[in-house]
N, C-alpha and C. Protein backbone atom coordinates (compact mmCIF):
# COMPACT_ATOMS: atom_id res chain seq x y z
N UNK A 1 75.12 148.73 -12.38
CA UNK A 1 76.21 149.14 -11.41
C UNK A 1 75.83 148.90 -10.31
N UNK A 2 76.92 148.63 -9.50
CA UNK A 2 76.42 148.46 -8.05
C UNK A 2 77.21 149.72 -7.79
N UNK A 3 76.53 149.81 -6.29
CA UNK A 3 77.60 150.80 -5.30
C UNK A 3 76.97 150.78 -3.97
N UNK A 4 78.19 151.43 -2.92
CA UNK A 4 78.84 150.58 -1.68
C UNK A 4 78.58 151.38 -1.21
N UNK A 5 77.89 151.29 0.41
CA UNK A 5 78.04 152.66 1.51
C UNK A 5 77.58 154.23 0.93
N UNK A 6 76.76 154.50 -0.40
CA UNK A 6 76.72 155.47 0.00
C UNK A 6 76.00 156.09 0.77
N UNK A 7 76.60 157.98 0.33
CA UNK A 7 75.93 158.69 1.03
C UNK A 7 74.89 159.14 2.03
N UNK A 8 73.79 158.22 0.24
CA UNK A 8 72.39 158.70 -0.20
C UNK A 8 71.63 157.73 0.40
N UNK A 9 70.97 157.56 0.97
CA UNK A 9 70.10 156.77 1.52
C UNK A 9 69.51 155.58 0.50
N UNK A 10 69.32 154.77 0.05
CA UNK A 10 69.07 153.57 -0.63
C UNK A 10 67.80 154.20 -1.16
N UNK A 11 66.74 154.43 0.05
CA UNK A 11 65.43 154.91 -0.18
C UNK A 11 65.44 156.40 -2.13
N UNK A 12 66.00 156.81 -1.00
CA UNK A 12 66.58 158.45 -2.19
C UNK A 12 66.91 157.45 -4.16
N UNK A 13 67.85 157.27 -3.74
CA UNK A 13 68.84 156.77 -4.50
C UNK A 13 67.25 155.98 -5.03
N UNK A 14 66.33 154.88 -4.85
CA UNK A 14 65.32 153.96 -5.89
C UNK A 14 64.66 155.34 -5.97
N UNK A 15 63.84 156.28 -5.02
CA UNK A 15 63.16 157.26 -5.63
C UNK A 15 63.36 158.16 -7.40
N UNK A 16 65.06 158.17 -6.60
CA UNK A 16 65.53 159.21 -7.20
C UNK A 16 65.54 158.39 -10.03
N UNK A 17 65.30 157.43 -9.12
CA UNK A 17 65.47 156.26 -10.36
C UNK A 17 64.33 155.56 -10.90
N UNK A 18 63.53 155.78 -9.72
CA UNK A 18 61.85 155.36 -10.41
C UNK A 18 61.86 155.22 -12.32
N UNK A 19 60.92 154.26 -12.31
CA UNK A 19 61.12 154.60 -13.66
C UNK A 19 61.95 154.01 -14.69
N UNK A 20 63.13 154.31 -14.38
CA UNK A 20 64.07 154.21 -15.31
C UNK A 20 64.86 153.08 -15.47
N UNK A 21 65.01 152.77 -13.28
CA UNK A 21 66.25 151.33 -13.57
C UNK A 21 65.31 151.17 -11.34
N UNK A 22 65.69 149.82 -12.01
CA UNK A 22 65.33 149.17 -10.93
C UNK A 22 66.20 149.50 -9.30
N UNK A 23 66.35 149.65 -8.54
CA UNK A 23 67.35 149.64 -7.71
C UNK A 23 67.00 148.32 -6.20
N UNK A 24 67.64 147.82 -6.40
CA UNK A 24 68.00 146.20 -5.36
C UNK A 24 68.50 146.64 -4.26
N UNK A 25 68.80 146.03 -3.00
CA UNK A 25 69.95 146.33 -1.20
C UNK A 25 70.67 145.25 -1.59
N UNK A 26 72.01 145.60 -1.26
CA UNK A 26 72.81 144.26 -1.41
C UNK A 26 72.19 143.28 0.02
N UNK A 27 73.01 142.22 -0.18
CA UNK A 27 72.62 141.62 1.06
C UNK A 27 73.74 141.35 1.50
N UNK A 28 74.56 141.42 1.16
CA UNK A 28 75.54 140.94 2.31
C UNK A 28 76.01 142.26 3.01
N UNK A 29 75.50 142.01 5.01
CA UNK A 29 75.80 143.08 5.78
C UNK A 29 77.06 143.87 5.92
N UNK A 30 77.98 143.35 5.47
CA UNK A 30 78.88 143.83 5.42
C UNK A 30 79.29 145.26 4.58
N UNK A 31 78.68 145.17 3.70
CA UNK A 31 78.23 146.50 2.42
C UNK A 31 78.16 148.02 2.78
N UNK A 32 76.63 147.67 4.27
CA UNK A 32 76.57 148.81 5.15
C UNK A 32 74.89 148.76 4.22
N UNK A 33 73.88 149.36 4.73
CA UNK A 33 72.73 149.26 4.48
C UNK A 33 72.51 150.66 3.11
N UNK A 34 73.32 151.86 2.79
CA UNK A 34 73.15 151.90 1.32
C UNK A 34 74.18 151.61 0.61
N UNK A 35 73.94 150.41 0.37
CA UNK A 35 74.10 149.45 -0.56
C UNK A 35 73.18 148.35 -1.47
N UNK A 36 74.07 148.40 -2.85
CA UNK A 36 72.89 148.24 -4.18
C UNK A 36 72.81 148.70 -5.19
N UNK A 37 72.48 147.32 -6.61
CA UNK A 37 72.49 147.96 -7.06
C UNK A 37 71.49 148.51 -8.16
N UNK A 38 71.99 148.72 -9.34
CA UNK A 38 71.46 148.99 -10.20
C UNK A 38 70.97 149.08 -11.57
N UNK A 39 70.03 148.30 -12.21
CA UNK A 39 70.10 147.79 -13.14
C UNK A 39 68.58 148.41 -13.96
N UNK A 40 68.96 147.83 -15.50
CA UNK A 40 68.35 147.87 -16.38
C UNK A 40 66.93 147.47 -16.70
N UNK A 41 65.83 148.11 -16.14
CA UNK A 41 64.06 147.78 -15.80
C UNK A 41 64.27 146.44 -16.47
N UNK A 42 63.22 145.70 -15.77
CA UNK A 42 63.12 144.04 -16.75
C UNK A 42 65.00 142.85 -17.40
N UNK A 43 65.45 143.47 -16.82
CA UNK A 43 66.70 143.02 -17.11
C UNK A 43 67.31 142.35 -15.77
N UNK A 44 67.36 140.85 -15.23
CA UNK A 44 67.72 140.55 -14.40
C UNK A 44 68.01 138.80 -14.50
N UNK A 45 69.29 138.34 -13.51
CA UNK A 45 69.39 136.98 -13.90
C UNK A 45 67.54 136.00 -13.89
N UNK A 46 66.56 135.93 -14.10
CA UNK A 46 65.90 135.41 -14.65
C UNK A 46 65.53 135.92 -16.28
N UNK A 47 65.27 137.07 -16.08
CA UNK A 47 65.98 137.35 -17.72
C UNK A 47 66.44 137.05 -18.43
N UNK A 48 67.62 137.01 -17.79
CA UNK A 48 68.91 136.78 -19.09
C UNK A 48 68.20 134.84 -18.90
N UNK A 49 67.80 134.01 -18.48
CA UNK A 49 67.99 132.59 -18.09
C UNK A 49 66.75 132.01 -19.21
N UNK A 50 65.91 133.26 -19.18
CA UNK A 50 64.99 132.77 -20.76
C UNK A 50 65.67 133.53 -21.73
N UNK A 51 66.35 134.06 -21.94
CA UNK A 51 66.31 134.05 -22.93
C UNK A 51 67.56 133.44 -23.19
N UNK A 52 68.03 133.37 -22.73
CA UNK A 52 69.43 132.11 -23.29
C UNK A 52 68.86 130.82 -23.68
N UNK A 53 67.47 130.60 -22.44
CA UNK A 53 66.69 129.07 -23.33
C UNK A 53 65.73 129.33 -24.45
N UNK A 54 65.39 130.71 -24.77
CA UNK A 54 64.70 131.01 -26.12
C UNK A 54 65.84 130.89 -27.51
N UNK A 55 67.33 131.58 -26.98
CA UNK A 55 68.26 131.35 -28.21
C UNK A 55 68.46 129.55 -28.73
N UNK A 56 68.73 129.08 -27.11
CA UNK A 56 68.68 128.18 -27.57
C UNK A 56 68.01 127.21 -27.97
N UNK A 57 67.40 126.98 -27.76
CA UNK A 57 65.81 125.88 -27.78
C UNK A 57 65.38 125.47 -26.55
N UNK A 58 66.02 125.78 -25.03
CA UNK A 58 65.30 125.00 -24.50
C UNK A 58 64.76 124.80 -24.00
N UNK A 59 63.70 124.21 -22.49
CA UNK A 59 62.32 124.16 -21.98
C UNK A 59 63.63 125.04 -20.21
N UNK A 60 62.27 126.62 -20.18
CA UNK A 60 62.97 126.38 -19.28
C UNK A 60 62.96 125.55 -17.91
N UNK A 61 61.68 124.53 -17.57
CA UNK A 61 61.61 123.74 -16.90
C UNK A 61 62.93 122.68 -16.93
N UNK A 62 63.75 122.98 -17.98
CA UNK A 62 65.15 122.17 -18.02
C UNK A 62 66.35 122.73 -16.97
N UNK A 63 66.15 123.62 -16.34
CA UNK A 63 67.11 125.08 -16.06
C UNK A 63 66.82 124.25 -14.51
N UNK A 64 68.73 125.22 -13.42
CA UNK A 64 68.26 125.22 -12.38
C UNK A 64 69.02 126.84 -12.13
N UNK A 65 68.47 127.27 -10.95
CA UNK A 65 68.79 128.28 -10.78
C UNK A 65 69.65 128.13 -9.33
N UNK A 66 70.51 129.01 -8.73
CA UNK A 66 71.35 128.44 -7.21
C UNK A 66 71.96 129.70 -6.65
N UNK A 67 70.89 130.11 -5.74
CA UNK A 67 71.36 131.52 -5.35
C UNK A 67 71.06 131.75 -3.45
N UNK A 68 72.02 132.99 -3.59
CA UNK A 68 71.64 133.39 -1.57
C UNK A 68 71.12 134.77 -1.61
N UNK A 69 70.74 135.65 -2.60
CA UNK A 69 70.81 136.85 -2.78
C UNK A 69 69.80 137.90 -3.39
N UNK A 70 69.47 138.78 -2.97
CA UNK A 70 67.94 139.23 -3.59
C UNK A 70 68.16 139.58 -5.07
N UNK A 71 68.90 139.80 -5.78
CA UNK A 71 69.84 139.35 -6.81
C UNK A 71 69.16 138.62 -7.31
N UNK A 72 68.73 137.82 -6.46
CA UNK A 72 68.65 135.64 -7.73
C UNK A 72 67.22 135.63 -7.28
N UNK A 73 66.37 136.28 -6.73
CA UNK A 73 64.62 136.05 -6.54
C UNK A 73 64.15 135.74 -8.23
N UNK A 74 64.30 136.70 -8.81
CA UNK A 74 63.91 136.15 -10.29
C UNK A 74 64.26 135.13 -10.76
N UNK A 75 65.87 134.45 -10.69
CA UNK A 75 66.20 132.98 -11.46
C UNK A 75 65.51 132.39 -10.24
N UNK A 76 65.26 132.25 -9.61
CA UNK A 76 64.69 131.37 -8.50
C UNK A 76 63.26 130.98 -8.67
N UNK A 77 62.51 131.73 -8.76
CA UNK A 77 61.39 132.39 -9.57
C UNK A 77 60.78 131.08 -10.47
N UNK A 78 61.91 131.83 -11.96
CA UNK A 78 61.81 131.09 -13.00
C UNK A 78 62.11 129.54 -13.82
N UNK A 79 63.59 129.69 -13.13
CA UNK A 79 64.36 129.00 -13.13
C UNK A 79 63.11 126.64 -12.89
N UNK A 80 63.64 125.66 -13.38
CA UNK A 80 62.94 124.88 -13.36
C UNK A 80 62.72 124.35 -11.81
N UNK A 81 63.84 125.08 -11.59
CA UNK A 81 64.14 124.25 -10.17
C UNK A 81 64.90 125.79 -9.31
N UNK A 82 64.83 126.26 -8.92
CA UNK A 82 65.81 127.27 -7.95
C UNK A 82 66.09 127.12 -6.35
N UNK A 83 66.60 126.97 -6.28
CA UNK A 83 67.97 126.14 -4.89
C UNK A 83 68.10 127.24 -4.44
N UNK A 84 68.00 128.06 -3.05
CA UNK A 84 68.63 128.83 -2.35
C UNK A 84 69.84 128.39 -1.23
N UNK A 85 71.12 128.81 -1.60
CA UNK A 85 71.54 128.62 -0.38
C UNK A 85 71.06 128.76 0.51
N UNK A 86 71.76 127.54 1.76
CA UNK A 86 71.42 127.48 2.88
C UNK A 86 71.44 128.71 3.70
N UNK A 87 72.36 129.21 3.87
CA UNK A 87 72.86 131.01 3.95
C UNK A 87 72.51 132.79 3.72
N UNK A 88 71.12 131.99 2.15
CA UNK A 88 70.32 132.30 1.83
C UNK A 88 69.29 133.41 3.23
N UNK A 89 68.88 134.92 3.45
CA UNK A 89 67.79 135.03 4.48
C UNK A 89 66.80 134.32 3.84
N UNK A 90 65.97 134.22 5.06
CA UNK A 90 65.25 133.57 4.73
C UNK A 90 63.46 134.34 3.34
N UNK A 91 64.29 135.88 3.12
CA UNK A 91 63.29 136.52 2.46
C UNK A 91 63.28 135.59 0.87
N UNK A 92 64.56 135.46 0.98
CA UNK A 92 65.28 134.93 -0.26
C UNK A 92 64.44 133.04 -0.45
N UNK A 93 64.61 132.68 0.64
CA UNK A 93 64.48 131.18 0.45
C UNK A 93 63.30 131.02 0.35
N UNK A 94 62.05 131.81 0.61
CA UNK A 94 60.34 131.76 0.29
C UNK A 94 60.45 131.77 -1.47
N UNK A 95 61.33 132.33 -1.54
CA UNK A 95 61.65 132.26 -3.34
C UNK A 95 61.43 130.62 -3.73
N UNK A 96 62.05 130.04 -3.12
CA UNK A 96 62.58 129.00 -3.60
C UNK A 96 61.56 127.36 -4.08
N UNK A 97 62.15 126.16 -4.35
CA UNK A 97 61.81 125.36 -4.15
C UNK A 97 62.81 124.36 -3.23
N UNK A 98 63.94 124.97 -3.11
CA UNK A 98 64.68 123.69 -2.52
C UNK A 98 65.84 124.63 -2.09
N UNK A 99 66.07 124.07 -0.89
CA UNK A 99 67.23 124.63 0.14
C UNK A 99 67.98 123.69 0.23
N UNK A 100 69.61 124.54 0.22
CA UNK A 100 70.50 123.38 0.09
C UNK A 100 71.57 123.20 1.23
N UNK A 101 72.70 123.74 1.31
CA UNK A 101 73.65 123.32 2.95
C UNK A 101 73.91 125.22 1.83
N UNK A 102 74.44 125.75 2.61
CA UNK A 102 75.41 126.94 2.68
C UNK A 102 76.46 127.10 1.77
N UNK A 103 77.56 128.03 1.41
CA UNK A 103 78.68 128.45 0.86
C UNK A 103 78.85 127.19 1.14
N UNK A 104 80.11 127.73 2.82
CA UNK A 104 81.01 127.41 3.63
C UNK A 104 80.73 125.96 3.51
N UNK A 105 79.46 125.34 2.98
CA UNK A 105 79.36 124.02 3.23
C UNK A 105 79.04 123.34 2.41
N UNK A 106 79.84 123.66 1.25
CA UNK A 106 79.68 122.54 -0.34
C UNK A 106 78.05 122.75 -0.47
N UNK A 107 77.56 123.85 -0.72
CA UNK A 107 76.18 124.32 -1.20
C UNK A 107 75.96 123.50 -2.85
N UNK A 108 76.66 124.36 -3.15
CA UNK A 108 76.28 124.56 -4.49
C UNK A 108 76.24 122.47 -4.99
N UNK A 109 77.36 121.82 -4.51
CA UNK A 109 77.95 120.34 -5.05
C UNK A 109 76.36 119.75 -4.45
N UNK A 110 75.81 119.86 -2.69
CA UNK A 110 75.21 119.34 -2.86
C UNK A 110 73.73 119.48 -3.61
N UNK A 111 74.22 120.21 -3.86
CA UNK A 111 72.59 120.92 -4.65
C UNK A 111 72.73 119.56 -6.61
N UNK A 112 73.78 119.97 -6.69
CA UNK A 112 73.81 118.92 -7.87
C UNK A 112 73.93 117.58 -7.43
N UNK A 113 74.13 117.20 -6.73
CA UNK A 113 74.69 115.66 -6.27
C UNK A 113 72.59 115.24 -6.02
N UNK A 114 72.30 115.95 -5.32
CA UNK A 114 70.49 116.14 -4.68
C UNK A 114 69.39 116.45 -6.60
N UNK A 115 70.01 116.83 -6.75
CA UNK A 115 69.29 117.21 -8.72
C UNK A 115 69.97 116.41 -9.48
N UNK A 116 70.53 115.25 -9.47
CA UNK A 116 71.32 114.27 -9.88
C UNK A 116 72.13 114.71 -11.02
N UNK A 117 72.78 116.51 -11.11
CA UNK A 117 73.63 116.73 -11.99
C UNK A 117 75.00 115.66 -12.26
N UNK A 118 75.41 115.84 -10.93
CA UNK A 118 76.60 114.52 -10.55
C UNK A 118 76.33 113.93 -9.49
N UNK A 119 76.90 112.32 -8.97
CA UNK A 119 76.71 111.13 -8.60
C UNK A 119 78.33 111.91 -7.31
N UNK A 120 77.42 111.61 -6.37
CA UNK A 120 77.74 111.76 -4.83
C UNK A 120 78.74 110.67 -4.58
N UNK A 121 79.75 110.15 -6.63
CA UNK A 121 80.94 109.78 -5.78
C UNK A 121 81.70 109.62 -4.61
N UNK A 122 82.52 108.58 -3.88
CA UNK A 122 83.03 108.65 -3.36
C UNK A 122 84.68 109.15 -3.39
N UNK A 123 84.99 108.50 -3.95
CA UNK A 123 85.99 109.36 -5.18
C UNK A 123 86.57 110.49 -5.12
N UNK A 124 85.50 111.41 -4.53
CA UNK A 124 85.34 112.90 -4.87
C UNK A 124 84.70 113.29 -3.49
N UNK A 125 86.00 113.69 -3.39
CA UNK A 125 84.95 114.46 -1.87
C UNK A 125 85.42 115.89 -1.73
N UNK A 126 84.50 116.48 -1.74
CA UNK A 126 83.23 118.20 -1.72
C UNK A 126 84.84 118.40 -0.36
N UNK A 127 85.10 119.65 -1.40
CA UNK A 127 85.67 120.79 -0.01
C UNK A 127 85.47 122.22 -0.43
N UNK A 128 85.23 122.70 0.62
CA UNK A 128 84.88 124.16 0.44
C UNK A 128 84.95 125.02 -0.63
N UNK A 129 86.82 124.69 -0.52
CA UNK A 129 87.61 125.43 -1.66
C UNK A 129 87.15 125.24 -3.44
N UNK A 130 86.18 123.79 -3.20
CA UNK A 130 85.56 123.67 -4.66
C UNK A 130 84.06 123.93 -4.75
N UNK A 131 82.98 124.13 -3.05
CA UNK A 131 82.40 123.55 -3.67
C UNK A 131 81.23 124.63 -3.95
């Protein structure tokens, strides 16, 4: 669940739900300091990737995660290659194996090329609309 610009300070929200839910801050400044997410304990993007790997018979070493927010940390830590977007805060980048360019500078496309998931064919010109 997401909460935006709550009247209750996020530390109080975190304390209220401690032991029952994980509470993380939103990292988008425009959402305000008392915005965030309420998550089921132990369920996050990283645990979801591990579950998909288990169900599909895949190795986590063969996965890639790309993110720019606090809700991406476990994913960046658990995937074979964790890639932080260039616009991510330094605290998020610290959990990544690689840093790509920003969202508005074709970051996902550049990460895919760098990790040889796609080729940088000159006939394909990435644009911010398709990054």
